[in-house]
Structure formats: C-alpha cells, structure tokens
Amino acid sequence: MLSSALRTSLRRTAASQTSTPARALATWAQIEMGPPDAILGITEAFKRDGDARKMNLGVGAYRTDEGKPYVLGAVRKAEEALLAKRLDKEYLPITGLAKFTGAAAELAYGADSSALGRVAITQTISGTGALRVGGAFLQRFYKTQQTVYLPSPSWGNHAAVFRDCGLKVANYRYYDAATRGLNLGAMLDDLRALPRGSIVLLHACAHNPTGVDPTPAQWQQIQSVVEEREHLAFFDMAYQGFASGDADRDAAALRAFVAAGKAPVVLSQSFAKNMGLYGERVGTFSIVGADAAERDRLLSQIKILVRPLYSNPPINGARIASEVLNNAPLRTEWLGEVKQMADRIIGMRTALRSRLEELGSVHSWNHITDQIGMFCYTGLKPEQVDRLAKDFHIYLTRDGRVSVAGITTANVNYLAESIHSVTKN
C-alpha cells in the first residue's frame, strides 16, 4: 500500500503533466484569424459554382482561347534539352545562375546598353522576391528617404512587401476614375511635391491593376520630374513583351532613364508572365551602378542580404529561362509566342468593346482598348461586380479589375451581355 506522501507526490506529478500541454497550447491562443486573400476567395467561389457558364476573371495568369493554362513551346523544348544534358542538382551561387542573370540583364536594359558592365544583378524568387530583396537593400543603404511612393492604385502586394522590409509606404496619384486613364497632371504634381530623393515605384509596362500606361511623350515628362527632384526610380517590370508584344518597346521607359543617367535606377524583373514560368519563381533584382567597381560593392552587399533570406535561389526555372534566352532559335520562338499571347489579349479587348457597343450600351468603353496588358480596369462598381457573380457566375475583384487573359472567343459575348445587364440602369 502506497504511503500518503508518495500518493501526494504522484498526484502532483500527474497534475503537472496534465497542465503542461494546456500551457503549451495556449501559447498561440491570442493570434487572430487573418483576412482571406481576395484573389484566393474569388477562385474558391468560382470552384464551388456548378454553372457551365462560369468565368474566373480574377487570376493573373495567361489562358489559351480554350481557357487552359499554357506552357510555351520554347519552354517545353528548353526543358527537353536540359533533361538530355542530365545536369546535377548542386546549389547555385548566392546571386544565382550567371548565364541567366546576364541574359536577363540584356533583355531588360538592351544588349547594346552601356550600363550592362555596371549592373549589379541577382537572381530572385520571381518578381515578388526581387521586390523584397530590393526593399531590404534600400532599407539598409538608401538613407536619403525611407518611404516608397506607389501609384494609386498599385499591385496589391507592393505595400505589404515594402512594409515588411521596414520601409514606409505612401502613394502618388496615377489613375483617373473619370476618364479611366492616366491622371498625368496630378501624377506630375505629386512627384514634384515629394521630398527630394524619394523612392518612386514605377510600373515599366502593363500597369497592374489598371492597364493604364503612359505614352512615350508622357514618360518623358515623368522622367524629367523624377530627375529634377533627384528621386530614385524603382521599376517593376513583370510584363516585358507581354504588354505590347514587343520586348524592346515594353522596356523603353526603363532604358530611357538608364541612358540619361540622371536618376538612380533599380529594377525588379519577373519571368512568370512572359515565359509562363509561374510556379518556377524566376526573376532578378538589379541596381545600375556608376562603374564596375561600384557594381562589385553593390553586389557584395546584395549577397550579404540574400544569404540569410533564402541562401541561394532555385535552379530549375533559371536553367529553363537561360536556355530560352541564350539559344538563338529558342529565343526567336519565345518572342514569337509572347507576341501571340499579347495579340490574343488585345483581340479579346477589341471583341469585348465591340460587343458592348453592338448591344447599345450608353457608356463609353474606349478604355477597354486604350488600356494594355493582362488587366483591364473596367470601371464596374462593387455592387455591379457582386451582381455579375450572383446572377451571371462571373467572378472578378470588387474594384472591377478583369483579367483579360480569362476571356475567350467562346465566352466574350456572354461576358459583354452580362456587363451590359448590370450597367444599363
């Protein structure tokens, strides 16, 4: 028979063992449920909808005219060539695959750019990773200003990325809701009023979410103000070639800034859209230095930043992109495919606008074809977007942004008729 002292000791031990898991489980009890991702919510609602006419116009990914994901022929051939080489799976250097980053720099800045020898460039985890590395670099080394000014509106992830880097975020006026175009006067006024040396984020082409891009003449005015105010130009180029179908045309604004050499320039570059490498996460971040010595110093600090972030980037997507960019026949095929994708989107814009006008809509839909790239800012109101989902099984973000890549010859008339129904009154 157990003694009284032993029974007391056992009870205390059992109580201790019972309460320890409870205390451990309570560690995270104060954490609240985060808000759902808006795009993910649209996709989930679309998947639940059993109607055969349903359309998902929220996701920013290219689709064929059959509404299917598209793997480019040049990419398939690059994959086959790489598989035949039976390459190893060793770690890449911190800054990534040199053959890829070198070709990516040429694509962005131009093969004949005098800046290539002084560009510090690192492979990143697509465009989002490039923005994060760039933000971390500016937070650590650009002490002139610590606020990033974004166009209003801008890609939804921009503000979160830069805030998580420890930078402040503010806006400058960009979109004119009345004209559904660029509010150039307000934009220039805001850029002039910013503190000297501010960080200004510029969409190089195919502005997301509006599809509103400055004309070449407007870009000259923007560049003049940025240079006059000694701002830092942070270009985000996620759609080179995908906007107009011409990679050189889509990079013209970036190249003009660099050629002038009057404003500091950094660049985030992505191959998700223009090469269809969404899940491969292929991108670069680069800084234009004053000379080769400065490039090397910049690169040394980029390496120090990247090492504790993700050590070194993934290899497969970079190899694919490198094979496409460095193999002349594949590069030619790829540029042709990019143009085909851009042309299909431009064609869907024309078809949607034409059908709305045929239906006798009293509204102007010129902005559908005036805008460019994957997205169209339709001007639809939140309640109209809600009606499209409820009554017509068409899903898009509540700001009225449509992913034109989700429109096909089979569904464009139904989309136009649905938009007409929710806007005619």
Protein backbone atom coordinates (compact mmCIF):
# COMPACT_ATOMS: atom_id res chain seq x y z
CA MET A 1 0.00 0.00 0.00
CA LEU A 2 1.29 3.46 -1.02
CA SER A 3 2.19 5.89 1.69
CA SER A 4 0.35 9.20 1.98
CA ALA A 5 3.47 11.15 0.98
CA LEU A 6 4.00 9.00 -2.12
CA ARG A 7 0.35 9.38 -3.19
CA THR A 8 0.63 13.17 -2.85
CA SER A 9 3.80 13.21 -4.92
CA LEU A 10 2.20 11.13 -7.69
CA ARG A 11 -0.87 13.40 -7.79
CA ARG A 12 1.37 16.46 -8.18
CA THR A 13 3.33 14.79 -10.99
CA ALA A 14 0.13 13.84 -12.82
CA ALA A 15 -1.27 17.36 -12.44
CA SER A 16 1.97 18.82 -13.74
CA GLN A 17 1.92 16.52 -16.77
CA THR A 18 -1.71 17.40 -17.48
CA SER A 19 -1.25 21.18 -17.27
CA THR A 20 1.95 21.39 -19.34
CA PRO A 21 0.25 20.63 -22.70
CA ALA A 22 -2.53 23.09 -21.82
CA ARG A 23 0.02 25.83 -21.18
CA ALA A 24 1.83 24.98 -24.41
CA LEU A 25 -1.38 25.01 -26.44
CA ALA A 26 -2.29 28.41 -25.01
CA THR A 27 0.91 29.97 -26.43
CA TRP A 28 -0.78 30.89 -29.73
CA ALA A 29 -4.30 31.43 -28.42
CA GLN A 30 -4.07 35.21 -28.81
CA ILE A 31 -3.37 35.04 -32.55
CA GLU A 32 -6.37 36.17 -34.57
CA MET A 33 -7.52 34.73 -37.89
CA GLY A 34 -6.01 36.72 -40.73
CA PRO A 35 -8.17 38.10 -43.54
CA PRO A 36 -8.52 35.83 -46.56
CA ASP A 37 -6.64 36.63 -49.75
CA ALA A 38 -9.02 38.40 -52.13
CA ILE A 39 -7.90 36.54 -55.25
CA LEU A 40 -7.95 33.17 -53.47
CA GLY A 41 -11.50 33.87 -52.32
CA ILE A 42 -12.59 34.54 -55.88
CA THR A 43 -11.05 31.28 -57.07
CA GLU A 44 -12.72 29.32 -54.27
CA ALA A 45 -16.13 30.82 -55.11
CA PHE A 46 -15.56 30.01 -58.78
CA LYS A 47 -14.72 26.38 -57.98
CA ARG A 48 -17.87 25.98 -55.89
CA ASP A 49 -20.07 27.32 -58.71
CA GLY A 50 -21.60 24.48 -60.75
CA ASP A 51 -22.89 26.63 -63.61
CA ALA A 52 -21.40 25.73 -67.01
CA ARG A 53 -21.16 29.43 -67.98
CA LYS A 54 -18.97 30.40 -65.03
CA MET A 55 -15.90 32.58 -65.64
CA ASN A 56 -12.91 33.31 -63.41
CA LEU A 57 -11.56 36.72 -64.38
CA GLY A 58 -9.66 37.31 -61.15
CA VAL A 59 -6.50 35.24 -61.58
CA GLY A 60 -3.50 36.92 -63.19
CA ALA A 61 -2.33 34.00 -65.33
CA TYR A 62 -2.48 33.56 -69.08
CA ARG A 63 -5.03 31.19 -70.56
CA THR A 64 -5.42 29.89 -74.09
CA ASP A 65 -8.51 30.59 -76.19
CA GLU A 66 -9.80 27.31 -74.80
CA GLY A 67 -9.39 28.67 -71.28
CA LYS A 68 -6.50 26.34 -70.45
CA PRO A 69 -3.08 27.02 -68.85
CA TYR A 70 -0.37 27.41 -71.46
CA VAL A 71 3.18 26.08 -71.43
CA LEU A 72 5.14 27.80 -74.16
CA GLY A 73 6.66 25.65 -76.89
CA ALA A 74 10.06 27.25 -76.37
CA VAL A 75 9.89 26.35 -72.70
CA ARG A 76 9.00 22.72 -73.48
CA LYS A 77 11.95 22.48 -75.86
CA ALA A 78 14.26 24.05 -73.28
CA GLU A 79 13.11 21.50 -70.68
CA GLU A 80 13.77 18.63 -73.09
CA ALA A 81 17.26 19.95 -73.90
CA LEU A 82 18.08 20.31 -70.20
CA LEU A 83 16.80 16.82 -69.41
CA ALA A 84 19.03 15.36 -72.11
CA LYS A 85 22.06 17.03 -70.52
CA ARG A 86 21.46 15.13 -67.24
CA LEU A 87 22.66 18.09 -65.18
CA ASP A 88 23.39 17.93 -61.45
CA LYS A 89 21.30 19.49 -58.70
CA GLU A 90 24.06 21.35 -56.87
CA TYR A 91 23.49 24.67 -55.11
CA LEU A 92 23.65 27.82 -57.19
CA PRO A 93 25.82 30.75 -56.03
CA ILE A 94 24.05 33.29 -53.81
CA THR A 95 23.31 35.55 -56.78
CA GLY A 96 22.07 32.69 -58.94
CA LEU A 97 22.85 31.30 -62.38
CA ALA A 98 25.21 33.74 -64.11
CA LYS A 99 24.18 32.73 -67.64
CA PHE A 100 20.58 33.51 -66.74
CA THR A 101 21.20 36.82 -64.95
CA GLY A 102 23.46 38.03 -67.75
CA ALA A 103 20.83 37.28 -70.39
CA ALA A 104 18.07 38.75 -68.22
CA ALA A 105 20.03 42.00 -67.86
CA GLU A 106 20.46 42.20 -71.64
CA LEU A 107 16.74 41.62 -72.15
CA ALA A 108 15.83 44.39 -69.70
CA TYR A 109 18.45 47.04 -70.38
CA GLY A 110 19.16 46.21 -74.04
CA ALA A 111 22.01 44.17 -75.49
CA ASP A 112 23.76 47.35 -76.59
CA SER A 113 23.32 49.22 -73.30
CA SER A 114 26.49 50.82 -71.96
CA ALA A 115 25.15 50.14 -68.45
CA LEU A 116 25.50 46.35 -68.66
CA GLY A 117 29.05 46.38 -67.36
CA ARG A 118 27.99 48.23 -64.23
CA VAL A 119 24.70 46.48 -63.39
CA ALA A 120 24.70 44.57 -60.09
CA ILE A 121 22.17 41.77 -60.60
CA THR A 122 20.98 38.81 -58.58
CA GLN A 123 18.56 36.01 -59.36
CA THR A 124 15.48 36.19 -57.14
CA ILE A 125 12.37 34.21 -56.28
CA SER A 126 10.36 35.74 -59.12
CA GLY A 127 9.22 39.37 -59.08
CA THR A 128 7.93 39.31 -55.52
CA GLY A 129 11.32 38.12 -54.30
CA ALA A 130 13.00 40.82 -56.36
CA LEU A 131 10.86 43.48 -54.71
CA ARG A 132 11.66 42.05 -51.29
CA VAL A 133 15.43 41.99 -51.92
CA GLY A 134 15.22 45.50 -53.36
CA GLY A 135 13.23 46.78 -50.41
CA ALA A 136 15.67 45.23 -47.94
CA PHE A 137 18.60 46.80 -49.80
CA LEU A 138 17.02 50.27 -49.80
CA GLN A 139 16.03 49.99 -46.15
CA ARG A 140 19.62 49.21 -45.22
CA PHE A 141 21.54 51.51 -47.55
CA TYR A 142 19.34 54.27 -49.02
CA LYS A 143 19.17 56.72 -46.15
CA THR A 144 18.06 59.73 -48.22
CA GLN A 145 14.41 58.70 -47.81
CA GLN A 146 12.78 55.65 -46.27
CA THR A 147 9.33 55.92 -47.86
CA VAL A 148 8.32 54.13 -51.06
CA TYR A 149 5.73 56.02 -53.10
CA LEU A 150 3.38 53.77 -55.07
CA PRO A 151 0.97 54.77 -57.82
CA SER A 152 -2.65 54.82 -56.71
CA PRO A 153 -3.73 52.13 -57.26
CA SER A 154 -0.90 49.61 -57.47
CA TRP A 155 -0.44 45.85 -57.29
CA GLY A 156 -1.95 44.69 -54.01
CA ASN A 157 1.26 43.09 -52.75
CA HIS A 158 3.51 46.12 -53.23
CA ALA A 159 2.65 47.83 -49.95
CA ALA A 160 2.91 44.63 -47.90
CA VAL A 161 6.31 43.73 -49.35
CA PHE A 162 7.86 47.12 -48.66
CA ARG A 163 6.33 47.48 -45.19
CA ASP A 164 7.71 44.07 -44.24
CA CYS A 165 11.13 45.40 -45.31
CA GLY A 166 10.81 48.13 -42.71
CA LEU A 167 10.06 50.90 -45.20
CA LYS A 168 7.16 53.33 -45.05
CA VAL A 169 4.64 53.34 -47.88
CA ALA A 170 2.65 56.22 -49.36
CA ASN A 171 1.01 56.99 -52.70
CA TYR A 172 1.06 59.39 -55.61
CA ARG A 173 -1.95 59.95 -57.84
CA TYR A 174 -1.98 57.92 -61.05
CA TYR A 175 -5.38 56.68 -62.23
CA ASP A 176 -8.22 58.98 -63.25
CA ALA A 177 -11.52 57.26 -62.46
CA ALA A 178 -13.45 59.77 -64.56
CA THR A 179 -11.55 59.09 -67.79
CA ARG A 180 -10.38 55.58 -66.82
CA GLY A 181 -6.96 56.72 -67.99
CA LEU A 182 -3.81 58.35 -66.65
CA ASN A 183 -4.13 61.43 -64.47
CA LEU A 184 -0.81 62.82 -65.70
CA GLY A 185 -1.19 66.31 -64.29
CA ALA A 186 -1.93 65.07 -60.79
CA MET A 187 0.86 62.49 -61.02
CA LEU A 188 3.44 65.10 -62.00
CA ASP A 189 2.22 67.48 -59.29
CA ASP A 190 2.60 64.76 -56.67
CA LEU A 191 6.06 63.74 -57.89
CA ARG A 192 7.19 67.37 -57.71
CA ALA A 193 5.80 67.69 -54.18
CA LEU A 194 7.55 64.59 -52.79
CA PRO A 195 10.61 65.09 -50.60
CA ARG A 196 13.73 65.32 -52.72
CA GLY A 197 15.32 61.92 -53.31
CA SER A 198 12.15 59.91 -52.66
CA ILE A 199 11.78 56.27 -53.75
CA VAL A 200 9.22 56.22 -56.59
CA LEU A 201 7.90 52.88 -57.78
CA LEU A 202 7.08 52.84 -61.49
CA HIS A 203 5.37 50.06 -63.44
CA ALA A 204 7.57 49.66 -66.52
CA CYS A 205 4.63 48.49 -68.66
CA ALA A 206 1.17 46.93 -68.37
CA HIS A 207 0.28 48.70 -65.13
CA ASN A 208 -1.36 46.34 -62.65
CA PRO A 209 -4.27 46.65 -61.89
CA THR A 210 -5.40 49.40 -64.29
CA GLY A 211 -3.75 48.54 -67.61
CA VAL A 212 -3.12 52.28 -68.00
CA ASP A 213 0.38 53.07 -69.28
CA PRO A 214 1.88 56.48 -70.05
CA THR A 215 2.58 57.27 -73.69
CA PRO A 216 6.23 57.79 -74.73
CA ALA A 217 5.72 61.56 -74.52
CA GLN A 218 4.18 61.25 -71.05
CA TRP A 219 7.08 59.06 -69.92
CA GLN A 220 9.45 61.87 -70.94
CA GLN A 221 7.59 64.27 -68.68
CA ILE A 222 7.62 61.78 -65.80
CA GLN A 223 11.34 61.18 -66.26
CA SER A 224 12.07 64.92 -66.26
CA VAL A 225 10.31 65.42 -62.94
CA VAL A 226 11.96 62.37 -61.34
CA GLU A 227 15.38 63.65 -62.43
CA GLU A 228 14.65 67.23 -61.40
CA ARG A 229 13.64 66.09 -57.91
CA GLU A 230 16.53 63.59 -57.71
CA HIS A 231 14.15 60.74 -56.93
CA LEU A 232 15.17 57.09 -57.05
CA ALA A 233 13.28 55.21 -59.78
CA PHE A 234 12.30 51.69 -58.71
CA PHE A 235 11.00 49.99 -61.86
CA ASP A 236 8.81 46.91 -61.50
CA MET A 237 8.81 45.04 -64.83
CA ALA A 238 6.60 41.96 -64.64
CA TYR A 239 5.25 42.00 -68.21
CA GLN A 240 8.10 42.75 -70.62
CA GLY A 241 6.96 41.65 -74.08
CA PHE A 242 3.59 40.63 -72.72
CA ALA A 243 2.11 44.14 -72.89
CA SER A 244 2.63 45.24 -76.47
CA GLY A 245 4.10 42.05 -77.89
CA ASP A 246 7.46 43.83 -78.31
CA ALA A 247 10.03 43.32 -75.54
CA ASP A 248 12.05 46.37 -76.58
CA ARG A 249 9.03 48.65 -76.66
CA ASP A 250 7.90 47.48 -73.24
CA ALA A 251 11.34 48.28 -71.77
CA ALA A 252 11.62 51.72 -73.39
CA ALA A 253 10.89 53.76 -70.26
CA LEU A 254 13.42 51.87 -68.15
CA ARG A 255 16.08 52.19 -70.85
CA ALA A 256 15.46 55.92 -71.26
CA PHE A 257 16.03 56.52 -67.53
CA VAL A 258 19.22 54.46 -67.59
CA ALA A 259 20.56 56.08 -70.77
CA ALA A 260 20.08 59.56 -69.32
CA GLY A 261 21.96 58.58 -66.16
CA LYS A 262 20.44 61.41 -64.12
CA ALA A 263 18.42 59.36 -61.61
CA PRO A 264 19.38 56.26 -59.63
CA VAL A 265 17.59 53.19 -61.05
CA VAL A 266 16.80 49.79 -59.56
CA LEU A 267 14.77 47.06 -61.24
CA SER A 268 12.54 44.16 -60.28
CA GLN A 269 12.15 41.71 -63.18
CA SER A 270 9.87 38.66 -63.47
CA PHE A 271 9.59 35.80 -65.96
CA ALA A 272 6.30 34.46 -64.59
CA LYS A 273 4.04 36.03 -67.20
CA ASN A 274 6.19 36.47 -70.31
CA MET A 275 7.69 32.97 -70.13
CA GLY A 276 4.81 31.28 -68.33
CA LEU A 277 7.15 30.19 -65.52
CA TYR A 278 4.64 30.99 -62.76
CA GLY A 279 5.46 28.12 -60.42
CA GLU A 280 9.19 28.10 -61.21
CA ARG A 281 9.62 31.51 -59.49
CA VAL A 282 12.18 33.10 -61.81
CA GLY A 283 13.20 36.75 -61.51
CA THR A 284 16.00 39.21 -60.90
CA PHE A 285 16.75 42.32 -58.91
CA SER A 286 19.33 44.74 -60.25
CA ILE A 287 20.90 48.10 -59.48
CA VAL A 288 22.59 50.33 -62.05
CA GLY A 289 25.94 51.35 -60.59
CA ALA A 290 28.26 54.20 -61.58
CA ASP A 291 31.05 51.88 -62.72
CA ALA A 292 32.33 48.32 -62.41
CA ALA A 293 33.89 48.96 -59.00
CA GLU A 294 30.61 50.25 -57.60
CA ARG A 295 28.82 47.28 -59.17
CA ASP A 296 31.09 44.92 -57.25
CA ARG A 297 30.49 46.74 -53.97
CA LEU A 298 26.74 46.69 -54.52
CA LEU A 299 26.81 43.01 -55.36
CA SER A 300 28.80 42.19 -52.24
CA GLN A 301 26.10 43.77 -50.08
CA ILE A 302 23.29 42.09 -52.03
CA LYS A 303 24.92 38.75 -51.26
CA ILE A 304 25.02 39.60 -47.56
CA LEU A 305 21.28 40.39 -47.69
CA VAL A 306 20.27 37.30 -49.66
CA ARG A 307 22.27 34.77 -47.63
CA PRO A 308 20.04 34.85 -44.51
CA LEU A 309 16.85 35.28 -46.58
CA TYR A 310 16.98 32.12 -48.70
CA SER A 311 20.70 31.35 -49.03
CA ASN A 312 20.58 30.85 -52.80
CA PRO A 313 17.83 30.68 -55.43
CA PRO A 314 16.25 27.61 -57.07
CA ILE A 315 17.97 26.21 -60.13
CA ASN A 316 15.39 24.65 -62.44
CA GLY A 317 13.48 27.72 -63.59
CA ALA A 318 16.67 29.71 -64.07
CA ARG A 319 18.08 26.97 -66.28
CA ILE A 320 14.91 26.96 -68.39
CA ALA A 321 14.93 30.75 -68.79
CA SER A 322 18.65 30.74 -69.54
CA GLU A 323 18.23 28.08 -72.23
CA VAL A 324 15.46 30.10 -73.89
CA LEU A 325 17.31 33.41 -73.71
CA ASN A 326 20.74 32.13 -74.78
CA ASN A 327 19.68 29.74 -77.54
CA ALA A 328 19.02 31.88 -80.65
CA PRO A 329 16.32 29.67 -82.25
CA LEU A 330 14.52 29.20 -78.91
CA ARG A 331 14.72 32.92 -78.16
CA THR A 332 13.18 33.74 -81.55
CA GLU A 333 10.42 31.18 -80.98
CA TRP A 334 9.77 32.54 -77.49
CA LEU A 335 9.49 36.15 -78.64
CA GLY A 336 7.01 35.00 -81.28
CA GLU A 337 4.94 33.18 -78.67
CA VAL A 338 4.97 36.20 -76.37
CA LYS A 339 3.62 38.31 -79.21
CA GLN A 340 0.92 35.73 -79.89
CA MET A 341 -0.17 35.87 -76.24
CA ALA A 342 -0.18 39.68 -76.29
CA ASP A 343 -2.10 39.74 -79.57
CA ARG A 344 -4.74 37.34 -78.21
CA ILE A 345 -5.33 39.61 -75.23
CA ILE A 346 -5.51 42.69 -77.48
CA GLY A 347 -8.01 40.82 -79.65
CA MET A 348 -10.20 39.98 -76.67
CA ARG A 349 -10.21 43.64 -75.64
CA THR A 350 -11.42 44.61 -79.10
CA ALA A 351 -14.09 41.90 -79.14
CA LEU A 352 -15.44 42.83 -75.69
CA ARG A 353 -15.67 46.51 -76.51
CA SER A 354 -17.25 45.84 -79.91
CA ARG A 355 -19.94 43.59 -78.45
CA LEU A 356 -20.80 46.09 -75.70
CA GLU A 357 -21.22 48.78 -78.33
CA GLU A 358 -23.34 46.46 -80.51
CA LEU A 359 -25.63 45.89 -77.52
CA GLY A 360 -26.35 49.61 -77.45
CA SER A 361 -24.62 50.42 -74.16
CA VAL A 362 -24.88 54.10 -73.34
CA HIS A 363 -21.49 54.02 -71.64
CA SER A 364 -18.14 54.62 -73.29
CA TRP A 365 -15.97 51.51 -73.38
CA ASN A 366 -12.99 53.06 -75.16
CA HIS A 367 -10.84 52.41 -72.12
CA ILE A 368 -11.03 48.65 -72.71
CA THR A 369 -8.90 49.02 -75.84
CA ASP A 370 -6.95 52.06 -74.64
CA GLN A 371 -5.57 50.08 -71.70
CA ILE A 372 -2.90 47.44 -72.23
CA GLY A 373 -1.65 44.17 -70.78
CA MET A 374 -3.30 41.38 -68.86
CA PHE A 375 -5.67 43.52 -66.81
CA CYS A 376 -8.49 45.89 -67.60
CA TYR A 377 -9.89 48.35 -65.09
CA THR A 378 -13.49 48.22 -66.27
CA GLY A 379 -14.94 50.92 -64.05
CA LEU A 380 -17.53 48.50 -62.71
CA LYS A 381 -18.77 49.32 -59.21
CA PRO A 382 -18.56 46.81 -56.33
CA GLU A 383 -22.31 46.18 -56.39
CA GLN A 384 -22.15 45.52 -60.13
CA VAL A 385 -19.30 43.07 -59.60
CA ASP A 386 -21.39 41.34 -56.95
CA ARG A 387 -24.29 41.02 -59.39
CA LEU A 388 -22.02 39.53 -62.03
CA ALA A 389 -21.06 36.81 -59.57
CA LYS A 390 -24.53 36.19 -58.18
CA ASP A 391 -26.62 36.38 -61.35
CA PHE A 392 -24.18 35.54 -64.12
CA HIS A 393 -21.48 33.36 -62.47
CA ILE A 394 -18.68 35.74 -63.49
CA TYR A 395 -16.00 36.33 -60.86
CA LEU A 396 -13.58 39.27 -60.62
CA THR A 397 -12.14 41.54 -57.95
CA ARG A 398 -14.54 44.08 -56.46
CA ASP A 399 -12.52 47.01 -57.82
CA GLY A 400 -13.71 45.97 -61.29
CA ARG A 401 -10.39 44.59 -62.48
CA VAL A 402 -10.76 41.95 -65.18
CA SER A 403 -8.04 39.53 -66.19
CA VAL A 404 -8.44 39.75 -69.96
CA ALA A 405 -6.48 36.51 -70.29
CA GLY A 406 -9.56 34.70 -68.97
CA ILE A 407 -11.72 35.91 -71.85
CA THR A 408 -12.11 33.63 -74.88
CA THR A 409 -13.93 33.71 -78.20
CA ALA A 410 -16.42 31.28 -76.65
CA ASN A 411 -17.35 33.44 -73.66
CA VAL A 412 -16.71 37.06 -74.71
CA ASN A 413 -20.28 37.63 -75.92
CA TYR A 414 -21.73 36.24 -72.68
CA LEU A 415 -19.40 38.49 -70.69
CA ALA A 416 -20.39 41.56 -72.70
CA GLU A 417 -24.10 40.78 -72.35
CA SER A 418 -23.68 40.27 -68.59
CA ILE A 419 -21.77 43.53 -68.15
CA HIS A 420 -24.44 45.30 -70.21
CA SER A 421 -27.14 43.87 -67.96
CA VAL A 422 -25.55 45.15 -64.74
CA THR A 423 -24.63 48.58 -66.15
CA LYS A 424 -27.57 49.59 -68.35
CA ASN A 425 -29.59 51.07 -65.49
